[in-house]
Every structure is written in structure tokens, then in C-alpha cells.
């Protein structure tokens, strides 16, 4: 999936992006709050300063991902 399409779907309310191949995706400062990236491949992705509050990253591959300044708040 192209990043522009992912962000359009997110803006329309889609939150399930499980299993997607997002190798080296540029998601700098993206708001992805509440998204589901279960088993997604985010190898080498740039998630710098992204909002990952309440994001499911279970079994996601984040090898080499840039996570500098990521907002990751755990909700109850």
C-alpha cells in the first residue's frame, strides 16, 4: 500500500492496517493514533515524531525504524 493511500484511509476512519508491507515508509509526524499495525512490516520506516498513541504494534517488524520523538501513550 502506498503511504498516501494509508493516510487517506486513516482520515476516513480506517484503523486496521494489520499485515501491511510498509518497508521504509515515510510517516514523519503522522497521526496514527489508535491504528492496528499487527504483524505489519515497518522495517526501516521513518516514524519520527509520529503519534502512535494506542497503536497496536504487536508482532510488527520495526527493525531499523526511526522512532525518535515518537508519541506513544498507553491507554487503559
C-alpha atoms as a PDB file:
ATOM      1  CA  UNK A   1       0.000   0.000   0.000  1.00  0.00           C
ATOM      2  CA  UNK A   2       1.206   3.494  -0.814  1.00  0.00           C
ATOM      3  CA  UNK A   3       1.589   5.837   2.154  1.00  0.00           C
ATOM      4  CA  UNK A   4      -0.760   8.446   0.663  1.00  0.00           C
ATOM      5  CA  UNK A   5      -3.484   5.799   0.421  1.00  0.00           C
ATOM      6  CA  UNK A   6      -2.855   4.651   4.004  1.00  0.00           C
ATOM      7  CA  UNK A   7      -3.213   8.237   5.248  1.00  0.00           C
ATOM      8  CA  UNK A   8      -6.395   8.757   3.174  1.00  0.00           C
ATOM      9  CA  UNK A   9      -7.910   5.593   4.613  1.00  0.00           C
ATOM     10  CA  UNK A  10      -6.906   6.654   8.112  1.00  0.00           C
ATOM     11  CA  UNK A  11      -8.550  10.063   7.569  1.00  0.00           C
ATOM     12  CA  UNK A  12     -11.761   8.233   6.502  1.00  0.00           C
ATOM     13  CA  UNK A  13     -11.747   6.283   9.779  1.00  0.00           C
ATOM     14  CA  UNK A  14      -9.965   3.059   8.798  1.00  0.00           C
ATOM     15  CA  UNK A  15      -7.727   1.807  11.612  1.00  0.00           C
ATOM     16  CA  UNK A  16      -6.905  -1.785  10.619  1.00  0.00           C
ATOM     17  CA  UNK A  17      -3.589  -1.907   8.769  1.00  0.00           C
ATOM     18  CA  UNK A  18      -2.524  -5.306  10.071  1.00  0.00           C
ATOM     19  CA  UNK A  19      -0.072  -7.306   7.990  1.00  0.00           C
ATOM     20  CA  UNK A  20       0.771  -4.461   5.611  1.00  0.00           C
ATOM     21  CA  UNK A  21       4.179  -4.200   3.970  1.00  0.00           C
ATOM     22  CA  UNK A  22       5.362  -0.671   4.789  1.00  0.00           C
ATOM     23  CA  UNK A  23       9.102  -1.194   4.341  1.00  0.00           C
ATOM     24  CA  UNK A  24      10.930   2.180   4.520  1.00  0.00           C
ATOM     25  CA  UNK A  25       7.629   4.090   4.728  1.00  0.00           C
ATOM     26  CA  UNK A  26       7.946   7.835   5.332  1.00  0.00           C
ATOM     27  CA  UNK A  27       5.489   8.545   8.146  1.00  0.00           C
ATOM     28  CA  UNK A  28       7.306  11.508   9.659  1.00  0.00           C
ATOM     29  CA  UNK A  29       4.977  13.319  12.101  1.00  0.00           C
ATOM     30  CA  UNK A  30       1.985  11.206  11.003  1.00  0.00           C
ATOM     31  CA  UNK A  31      -1.012  10.964  13.310  1.00  0.00           C
ATOM     32  CA  UNK A  32      -1.776   7.244  13.516  1.00  0.00           C
ATOM     33  CA  UNK A  33      -3.486   7.224  16.907  1.00  0.00           C
ATOM     34  CA  UNK A  34      -5.448   4.040  17.531  1.00  0.00           C
ATOM     35  CA  UNK A  35      -4.257   2.248  14.365  1.00  0.00           C
ATOM     36  CA  UNK A  36      -3.707  -1.503  14.224  1.00  0.00           C
ATOM     37  CA  UNK A  37      -0.358  -2.496  12.711  1.00  0.00           C
ATOM     38  CA  UNK A  38      -0.415  -6.102  13.978  1.00  0.00           C
ATOM     39  CA  UNK A  39       2.250  -8.084  12.084  1.00  0.00           C
ATOM     40  CA  UNK A  40       2.958  -5.134   9.755  1.00  0.00           C
ATOM     41  CA  UNK A  41       6.409  -4.792   8.212  1.00  0.00           C
ATOM     42  CA  UNK A  42       7.705  -1.351   9.189  1.00  0.00           C
ATOM     43  CA  UNK A  43      11.353  -2.239   8.569  1.00  0.00           C
ATOM     44  CA  UNK A  44      13.349   0.959   8.086  1.00  0.00           C
ATOM     45  CA  UNK A  45      10.240   3.145   8.343  1.00  0.00           C
ATOM     46  CA  UNK A  46      10.620   6.773   9.371  1.00  0.00           C
ATOM     47  CA  UNK A  47       8.153   7.239  12.229  1.00  0.00           C
ATOM     48  CA  UNK A  48       9.997  10.176  13.733  1.00  0.00           C
ATOM     49  CA  UNK A  49       7.660  12.365  15.817  1.00  0.00           C
ATOM     50  CA  UNK A  50       4.632  10.280  14.771  1.00  0.00           C
ATOM     51  CA  UNK A  51       1.665   9.971  17.106  1.00  0.00           C
ATOM     52  CA  UNK A  52       1.441   6.266  17.915  1.00  0.00           C
ATOM     53  CA  UNK A  53      -0.849   6.627  20.922  1.00  0.00           C
ATOM     54  CA  UNK A  54      -2.862   3.430  21.480  1.00  0.00           C
ATOM     55  CA  UNK A  55      -1.357   1.840  18.325  1.00  0.00           C
ATOM     56  CA  UNK A  56      -1.176  -1.952  18.204  1.00  0.00           C
ATOM     57  CA  UNK A  57       2.362  -2.882  17.144  1.00  0.00           C
ATOM     58  CA  UNK A  58       2.144  -6.498  18.319  1.00  0.00           C
ATOM     59  CA  UNK A  59       4.442  -8.672  16.186  1.00  0.00           C
ATOM     60  CA  UNK A  60       5.214  -5.685  13.909  1.00  0.00           C
ATOM     61  CA  UNK A  61       8.718  -5.621  12.454  1.00  0.00           C
ATOM     62  CA  UNK A  62      10.320  -2.315  13.452  1.00  0.00           C
ATOM     63  CA  UNK A  63      13.908  -3.300  12.609  1.00  0.00           C
ATOM     64  CA  UNK A  64      15.859  -0.198  11.651  1.00  0.00           C
ATOM     65  CA  UNK A  65      12.823   2.056  12.069  1.00  0.00           C
ATOM     66  CA  UNK A  66      13.394   5.667  13.131  1.00  0.00           C
ATOM     67  CA  UNK A  67      11.354   6.130  16.317  1.00  0.00           C
ATOM     68  CA  UNK A  68      12.955   9.370  17.535  1.00  0.00           C
ATOM     69  CA  UNK A  69      10.398  11.594  19.228  1.00  0.00           C
ATOM     70  CA  UNK A  70       7.504   9.161  18.799  1.00  0.00           C
ATOM     71  CA  UNK A  71       4.448   9.860  20.948  1.00  0.00           C
ATOM     72  CA  UNK A  72       3.438   6.507  22.412  1.00  0.00           C
ATOM     73  CA  UNK A  73       0.900   6.747  25.210  1.00  0.00           C
ATOM     74  CA  UNK A  74      -0.620   3.588  26.580  1.00  0.00           C
ATOM     75  CA  UNK A  75      -4.361   3.875  27.117  1.00  0.00           C
ATOM     76  CA  UNK A  76      -6.316   1.879  29.678  1.00  0.00           C
END
